[in-house]
Amino acid sequence: MDETPRPPEQGSGEPSEAPRRCEACGEEEAVVRLTRIVNDEMVTMHLCDACAREKGVEGPAEAPSAPLTDFLAQMGDAPAPRGPAASPDEACPFCGLTFADFREVGRLGCPQCYVTFESYLRGLLRRVHGSTGHVGKVYLPPDPSASELEKRLEALRRKLERAVEMEDFERAAEIRDEIRALEPQEQRP
């Protein structure tokens, strides 16, 4: 099941003369259009801000400024991506989201939108991220020799403290020199 909140007038093709009432409470003006896809059928509800919050949907007031939305706003009249670009009037055949709606809201309406606007999204992702493929982060395994070195240094520091407490300064000097030899240059005072 997919839930996509959008302002009621966007991509709906509905006349926007009179404000629409919330379908849940019937009292407030609807500010969110909640589109659910249930059993491959699109079900739309128009909700006020309070009822949308009760259903766990962000209303327009709470919606954070998404980086994609900011990028699209800054893009303005940037050159179109290579290949067939989506026209502002092109709409997703499943949820009805238009390309102009996507540019304004910064969110796609349903999984089919990725197919509908694929050529444009590929160009956008290439410009924003430098690639259209997601590879994630690659973490290196911890260096076992580094942890062994730390253990060795910690043991030597304890020995140094004991030697100083026992006032065995010759032994303390030897241990200090051993620690200095093992410590990386950047850790030295």
C-alpha atoms as a PDB file:
ATOM      1  CA  MET A   1       0.000   0.000   0.000  1.00  0.00           C
ATOM      2  CA  ASP A   2       1.374   3.419  -0.971  1.00  0.00           C
ATOM      3  CA  GLU A   3       0.287   6.672   0.652  1.00  0.00           C
ATOM      4  CA  THR A   4       1.112   9.960  -0.978  1.00  0.00           C
ATOM      5  CA  PRO A   5      -0.031  13.257   0.516  1.00  0.00           C
ATOM      6  CA  ARG A   6      -0.443  16.179  -1.867  1.00  0.00           C
ATOM      7  CA  PRO A   7      -2.322  19.442  -1.804  1.00  0.00           C
ATOM      8  CA  PRO A   8      -5.805  18.773  -3.210  1.00  0.00           C
ATOM      9  CA  GLU A   9      -5.569  20.925  -6.318  1.00  0.00           C
ATOM     10  CA  GLN A  10      -2.270  19.529  -7.596  1.00  0.00           C
ATOM     11  CA  GLY A  11      -2.490  17.104 -10.450  1.00  0.00           C
ATOM     12  CA  SER A  12      -6.114  16.386  -9.738  1.00  0.00           C
ATOM     13  CA  GLY A  13      -7.572  17.940 -12.846  1.00  0.00           C
ATOM     14  CA  GLU A  14     -10.402  19.087 -10.572  1.00  0.00           C
ATOM     15  CA  PRO A  15     -11.728  22.616 -10.699  1.00  0.00           C
ATOM     16  CA  SER A  16     -10.419  24.647  -7.800  1.00  0.00           C
ATOM     17  CA  GLU A  17     -13.292  27.178  -7.498  1.00  0.00           C
ATOM     18  CA  ALA A  18     -14.643  26.285  -4.051  1.00  0.00           C
ATOM     19  CA  PRO A  19     -12.485  25.023  -1.202  1.00  0.00           C
ATOM     20  CA  ARG A  20     -13.014  21.325  -0.568  1.00  0.00           C
ATOM     21  CA  ARG A  21     -14.115  20.123   2.899  1.00  0.00           C
ATOM     22  CA  CYS A  22     -12.254  17.452   4.852  1.00  0.00           C
ATOM     23  CA  GLU A  23     -13.763  14.038   4.095  1.00  0.00           C
ATOM     24  CA  ALA A  24     -12.971  12.767   7.613  1.00  0.00           C
ATOM     25  CA  CYS A  25     -14.438  15.493   9.849  1.00  0.00           C
ATOM     26  CA  GLY A  26     -16.416  17.543   7.308  1.00  0.00           C
ATOM     27  CA  GLU A  27     -15.638  20.751   9.204  1.00  0.00           C
ATOM     28  CA  GLU A  28     -12.291  22.130   8.066  1.00  0.00           C
ATOM     29  CA  GLU A  29     -10.956  22.946   4.615  1.00  0.00           C
ATOM     30  CA  ALA A  30      -9.014  20.076   3.043  1.00  0.00           C
ATOM     31  CA  VAL A  31      -5.339  20.894   2.637  1.00  0.00           C
ATOM     32  CA  VAL A  32      -3.982  17.395   1.988  1.00  0.00           C
ATOM     33  CA  ARG A  33      -4.940  14.901  -0.657  1.00  0.00           C
ATOM     34  CA  LEU A  34      -4.072  11.417   0.587  1.00  0.00           C
ATOM     35  CA  THR A  35      -3.774   8.906  -2.214  1.00  0.00           C
ATOM     36  CA  ARG A  36      -3.676   5.241  -1.253  1.00  0.00           C
ATOM     37  CA  ILE A  37      -3.129   2.389  -3.606  1.00  0.00           C
ATOM     38  CA  VAL A  38      -5.114  -0.602  -2.358  1.00  0.00           C
ATOM     39  CA  ASN A  39      -5.344  -3.790  -4.431  1.00  0.00           C
ATOM     40  CA  ASP A  40      -4.060  -1.912  -7.492  1.00  0.00           C
ATOM     41  CA  GLU A  41      -6.817   0.693  -7.157  1.00  0.00           C
ATOM     42  CA  MET A  42      -6.235   4.330  -6.363  1.00  0.00           C
ATOM     43  CA  VAL A  43      -8.305   5.658  -3.439  1.00  0.00           C
ATOM     44  CA  THR A  44      -8.127   9.395  -2.694  1.00  0.00           C
ATOM     45  CA  MET A  45      -9.189  11.233   0.469  1.00  0.00           C
ATOM     46  CA  HIS A  46      -9.115  14.983   1.034  1.00  0.00           C
ATOM     47  CA  LEU A  47      -8.192  15.823   4.631  1.00  0.00           C
ATOM     48  CA  CYS A  48      -7.746  18.850   6.839  1.00  0.00           C
ATOM     49  CA  ASP A  49      -4.427  19.388   8.602  1.00  0.00           C
ATOM     50  CA  ALA A  50      -5.648  17.903  11.924  1.00  0.00           C
ATOM     51  CA  CYS A  51      -7.167  14.758  10.391  1.00  0.00           C
ATOM     52  CA  ALA A  52      -4.059  14.250   8.242  1.00  0.00           C
ATOM     53  CA  ARG A  53      -1.907  14.409  11.388  1.00  0.00           C
ATOM     54  CA  GLU A  54      -4.191  11.859  13.100  1.00  0.00           C
ATOM     55  CA  LYS A  55      -3.544   9.495  10.189  1.00  0.00           C
ATOM     56  CA  GLY A  56       0.203  10.102  10.502  1.00  0.00           C
ATOM     57  CA  VAL A  57       0.490  12.132   7.314  1.00  0.00           C
ATOM     58  CA  GLU A  58       2.479  15.356   7.132  1.00  0.00           C
ATOM     59  CA  GLY A  59       0.421  18.344   6.189  1.00  0.00           C
ATOM     60  CA  PRO A  60       1.846  21.174   4.089  1.00  0.00           C
ATOM     61  CA  ALA A  61       2.776  23.139   7.233  1.00  0.00           C
ATOM     62  CA  GLU A  62       4.904  20.335   8.719  1.00  0.00           C
ATOM     63  CA  ALA A  63       6.490  19.114   5.525  1.00  0.00           C
ATOM     64  CA  PRO A  64      10.211  19.742   5.799  1.00  0.00           C
ATOM     65  CA  SER A  65      11.980  21.412   2.944  1.00  0.00           C
ATOM     66  CA  ALA A  66      13.437  18.482   1.064  1.00  0.00           C
ATOM     67  CA  PRO A  67      16.841  18.854  -0.586  1.00  0.00           C
ATOM     68  CA  LEU A  68      15.331  17.694  -3.871  1.00  0.00           C
ATOM     69  CA  THR A  69      12.648  20.379  -3.635  1.00  0.00           C
ATOM     70  CA  ASP A  70      15.306  23.002  -2.921  1.00  0.00           C
ATOM     71  CA  PHE A  71      17.376  21.760  -5.839  1.00  0.00           C
ATOM     72  CA  LEU A  72      14.409  21.840  -8.201  1.00  0.00           C
ATOM     73  CA  ALA A  73      13.561  25.366  -7.064  1.00  0.00           C
ATOM     74  CA  GLN A  74      17.120  26.537  -7.721  1.00  0.00           C
ATOM     75  CA  MET A  75      17.184  24.756 -11.055  1.00  0.00           C
ATOM     76  CA  GLY A  76      14.628  27.157 -12.501  1.00  0.00           C
ATOM     77  CA  ASP A  77      15.097  27.241 -16.248  1.00  0.00           C
ATOM     78  CA  ALA A  78      18.068  24.877 -16.358  1.00  0.00           C
ATOM     79  CA  PRO A  79      18.614  23.087 -19.647  1.00  0.00           C
ATOM     80  CA  ALA A  80      16.545  19.963 -20.075  1.00  0.00           C
ATOM     81  CA  PRO A  81      18.279  16.623 -19.670  1.00  0.00           C
ATOM     82  CA  ARG A  82      19.389  14.767 -22.764  1.00  0.00           C
ATOM     83  CA  GLY A  83      16.925  12.373 -24.259  1.00  0.00           C
ATOM     84  CA  PRO A  84      13.164  12.669 -24.125  1.00  0.00           C
ATOM     85  CA  ALA A  85      12.367  14.981 -21.225  1.00  0.00           C
ATOM     86  CA  ALA A  86       9.091  14.961 -19.369  1.00  0.00           C
ATOM     87  CA  SER A  87       6.806  17.813 -20.356  1.00  0.00           C
ATOM     88  CA  PRO A  88       5.128  19.853 -17.588  1.00  0.00           C
ATOM     89  CA  ASP A  89       1.744  18.444 -18.659  1.00  0.00           C
ATOM     90  CA  GLU A  90       2.871  14.817 -18.706  1.00  0.00           C
ATOM     91  CA  ALA A  91       1.066  12.915 -15.948  1.00  0.00           C
ATOM     92  CA  CYS A  92       1.496   9.540 -14.322  1.00  0.00           C
ATOM     93  CA  PRO A  93      -1.233   7.293 -15.741  1.00  0.00           C
ATOM     94  CA  PHE A  94      -1.743   5.650 -12.359  1.00  0.00           C
ATOM     95  CA  CYS A  95      -1.860   8.443  -9.753  1.00  0.00           C
ATOM     96  CA  GLY A  96      -2.272  11.510 -11.966  1.00  0.00           C
ATOM     97  CA  LEU A  97       0.777  13.393 -10.653  1.00  0.00           C
ATOM     98  CA  THR A  98       2.004  15.763 -13.324  1.00  0.00           C
ATOM     99  CA  PHE A  99       5.618  16.574 -13.978  1.00  0.00           C
ATOM    100  CA  ALA A 100       4.903  20.164 -12.921  1.00  0.00           C
ATOM    101  CA  ASP A 101       3.523  18.841  -9.596  1.00  0.00           C
ATOM    102  CA  PHE A 102       6.697  16.825  -9.055  1.00  0.00           C
ATOM    103  CA  ARG A 103       8.864  19.892  -9.661  1.00  0.00           C
ATOM    104  CA  GLU A 104       6.789  21.882  -7.174  1.00  0.00           C
ATOM    105  CA  VAL A 105       6.421  19.270  -4.413  1.00  0.00           C
ATOM    106  CA  GLY A 106       9.670  17.347  -4.884  1.00  0.00           C
ATOM    107  CA  ARG A 107       7.972  13.986  -4.274  1.00  0.00           C
ATOM    108  CA  LEU A 108       6.696  11.359  -6.625  1.00  0.00           C
ATOM    109  CA  GLY A 109       3.145  10.121  -6.223  1.00  0.00           C
ATOM    110  CA  CYS A 110       3.500   6.360  -6.665  1.00  0.00           C
ATOM    111  CA  PRO A 111       5.911   3.691  -7.915  1.00  0.00           C
ATOM    112  CA  GLN A 112       4.617   4.144 -11.479  1.00  0.00           C
ATOM    113  CA  CYS A 113       5.887   7.771 -11.401  1.00  0.00           C
ATOM    114  CA  TYR A 114       9.450   6.436 -11.515  1.00  0.00           C
ATOM    115  CA  VAL A 115       8.656   4.769 -14.832  1.00  0.00           C
ATOM    116  CA  THR A 116       6.685   7.717 -16.210  1.00  0.00           C
ATOM    117  CA  PHE A 117       9.376  10.299 -15.431  1.00  0.00           C
ATOM    118  CA  GLU A 118      12.370   7.956 -15.805  1.00  0.00           C
ATOM    119  CA  SER A 119      14.210   9.895 -18.501  1.00  0.00           C
ATOM    120  CA  TYR A 120      14.010  13.120 -16.539  1.00  0.00           C
ATOM    121  CA  LEU A 121      14.896  11.451 -13.215  1.00  0.00           C
ATOM    122  CA  ARG A 122      18.002   9.840 -14.701  1.00  0.00           C
ATOM    123  CA  GLY A 123      19.291  13.234 -15.850  1.00  0.00           C
ATOM    124  CA  LEU A 124      18.415  14.831 -12.521  1.00  0.00           C
ATOM    125  CA  LEU A 125      20.147  12.102 -10.503  1.00  0.00           C
ATOM    126  CA  ARG A 126      23.214  12.294 -12.726  1.00  0.00           C
ATOM    127  CA  ARG A 127      23.450  16.074 -12.164  1.00  0.00           C
ATOM    128  CA  VAL A 128      22.804  15.888  -8.413  1.00  0.00           C
ATOM    129  CA  HIS A 129      24.778  12.755  -7.484  1.00  0.00           C
ATOM    130  CA  GLY A 130      27.101  12.239 -10.440  1.00  0.00           C
ATOM    131  CA  SER A 131      25.618   8.802 -11.147  1.00  0.00           C
ATOM    132  CA  THR A 132      22.313   7.022 -11.555  1.00  0.00           C
ATOM    133  CA  GLY A 133      23.386   3.890  -9.692  1.00  0.00           C
ATOM    134  CA  HIS A 134      23.347   3.590  -5.916  1.00  0.00           C
ATOM    135  CA  VAL A 135      26.367   1.827  -4.476  1.00  0.00           C
ATOM    136  CA  GLY A 136      26.072   2.834  -0.821  1.00  0.00           C
ATOM    137  CA  LYS A 137      28.998   3.341   1.488  1.00  0.00           C
ATOM    138  CA  VAL A 138      31.879   0.932   1.589  1.00  0.00           C
ATOM    139  CA  TYR A 139      33.320   0.457   5.051  1.00  0.00           C
ATOM    140  CA  LEU A 140      36.755  -0.999   5.573  1.00  0.00           C
ATOM    141  CA  PRO A 141      37.076  -3.638   8.272  1.00  0.00           C
ATOM    142  CA  PRO A 142      38.893  -2.433  11.379  1.00  0.00           C
ATOM    143  CA  ASP A 143      42.644  -2.845  11.226  1.00  0.00           C
ATOM    144  CA  PRO A 144      43.403  -5.643  13.723  1.00  0.00           C
ATOM    145  CA  SER A 145      46.997  -4.497  14.073  1.00  0.00           C
ATOM    146  CA  ALA A 146      45.770  -1.044  15.177  1.00  0.00           C
ATOM    147  CA  SER A 147      43.674  -2.486  18.017  1.00  0.00           C
ATOM    148  CA  GLU A 148      46.572  -4.722  19.087  1.00  0.00           C
ATOM    149  CA  LEU A 149      48.826  -1.670  19.151  1.00  0.00           C
ATOM    150  CA  GLU A 150      46.336   0.197  21.340  1.00  0.00           C
ATOM    151  CA  LYS A 151      46.171  -2.726  23.771  1.00  0.00           C
ATOM    152  CA  ARG A 152      49.969  -2.868  23.945  1.00  0.00           C
ATOM    153  CA  LEU A 153      50.229   0.896  24.539  1.00  0.00           C
ATOM    154  CA  GLU A 154      47.588   0.782  27.284  1.00  0.00           C
ATOM    155  CA  ALA A 155      49.444  -2.032  29.068  1.00  0.00           C
ATOM    156  CA  LEU A 156      52.709  -0.074  28.849  1.00  0.00           C
ATOM    157  CA  ARG A 157      51.040   3.061  30.246  1.00  0.00           C
ATOM    158  CA  ARG A 158      49.802   1.073  33.255  1.00  0.00           C
ATOM    159  CA  LYS A 159      53.325  -0.313  33.782  1.00  0.00           C
ATOM    160  CA  LEU A 160      54.694   3.236  33.552  1.00  0.00           C
ATOM    161  CA  GLU A 161      52.274   4.448  36.235  1.00  0.00           C
ATOM    162  CA  ARG A 162      53.263   1.578  38.555  1.00  0.00           C
ATOM    163  CA  ALA A 163      56.967   2.219  37.991  1.00  0.00           C
ATOM    164  CA  VAL A 164      56.515   5.906  38.876  1.00  0.00           C
ATOM    165  CA  GLU A 165      54.440   5.006  41.971  1.00  0.00           C
ATOM    166  CA  MET A 166      57.213   2.605  43.068  1.00  0.00           C
ATOM    167  CA  GLU A 167      59.758   5.370  42.330  1.00  0.00           C
ATOM    168  CA  ASP A 168      61.600   3.062  39.905  1.00  0.00           C
ATOM    169  CA  PHE A 169      62.491   5.935  37.605  1.00  0.00           C
ATOM    170  CA  GLU A 170      65.012   4.007  35.524  1.00  0.00           C
ATOM    171  CA  ARG A 171      62.373   1.411  34.642  1.00  0.00           C
ATOM    172  CA  ALA A 172      59.827   4.234  34.059  1.00  0.00           C
ATOM    173  CA  ALA A 173      62.232   5.890  31.575  1.00  0.00           C
ATOM    174  CA  GLU A 174      62.653   2.601  29.686  1.00  0.00           C
ATOM    175  CA  ILE A 175      58.872   2.111  29.487  1.00  0.00           C
ATOM    176  CA  ARG A 176      58.389   5.750  28.409  1.00  0.00           C
ATOM    177  CA  ASP A 177      60.891   5.246  25.567  1.00  0.00           C
ATOM    178  CA  GLU A 178      59.116   2.041  24.531  1.00  0.00           C
ATOM    179  CA  ILE A 179      55.761   3.886  24.458  1.00  0.00           C
ATOM    180  CA  ARG A 180      57.255   6.697  22.336  1.00  0.00           C
ATOM    181  CA  ALA A 181      58.630   4.172  19.869  1.00  0.00           C
ATOM    182  CA  LEU A 182      55.201   2.554  19.468  1.00  0.00           C
ATOM    183  CA  GLU A 183      53.021   5.703  19.398  1.00  0.00           C
ATOM    184  CA  PRO A 184      52.175   7.176  16.007  1.00  0.00           C
ATOM    185  CA  GLN A 185      53.787  10.594  15.423  1.00  0.00           C
ATOM    186  CA  GLU A 186      50.458  12.508  15.528  1.00  0.00           C
ATOM    187  CA  GLN A 187      49.678  11.266  19.073  1.00  0.00           C
ATOM    188  CA  ARG A 188      52.874  12.564  20.618  1.00  0.00           C
ATOM    189  CA  PRO A 189      52.649  15.727  22.757  1.00  0.00           C
END
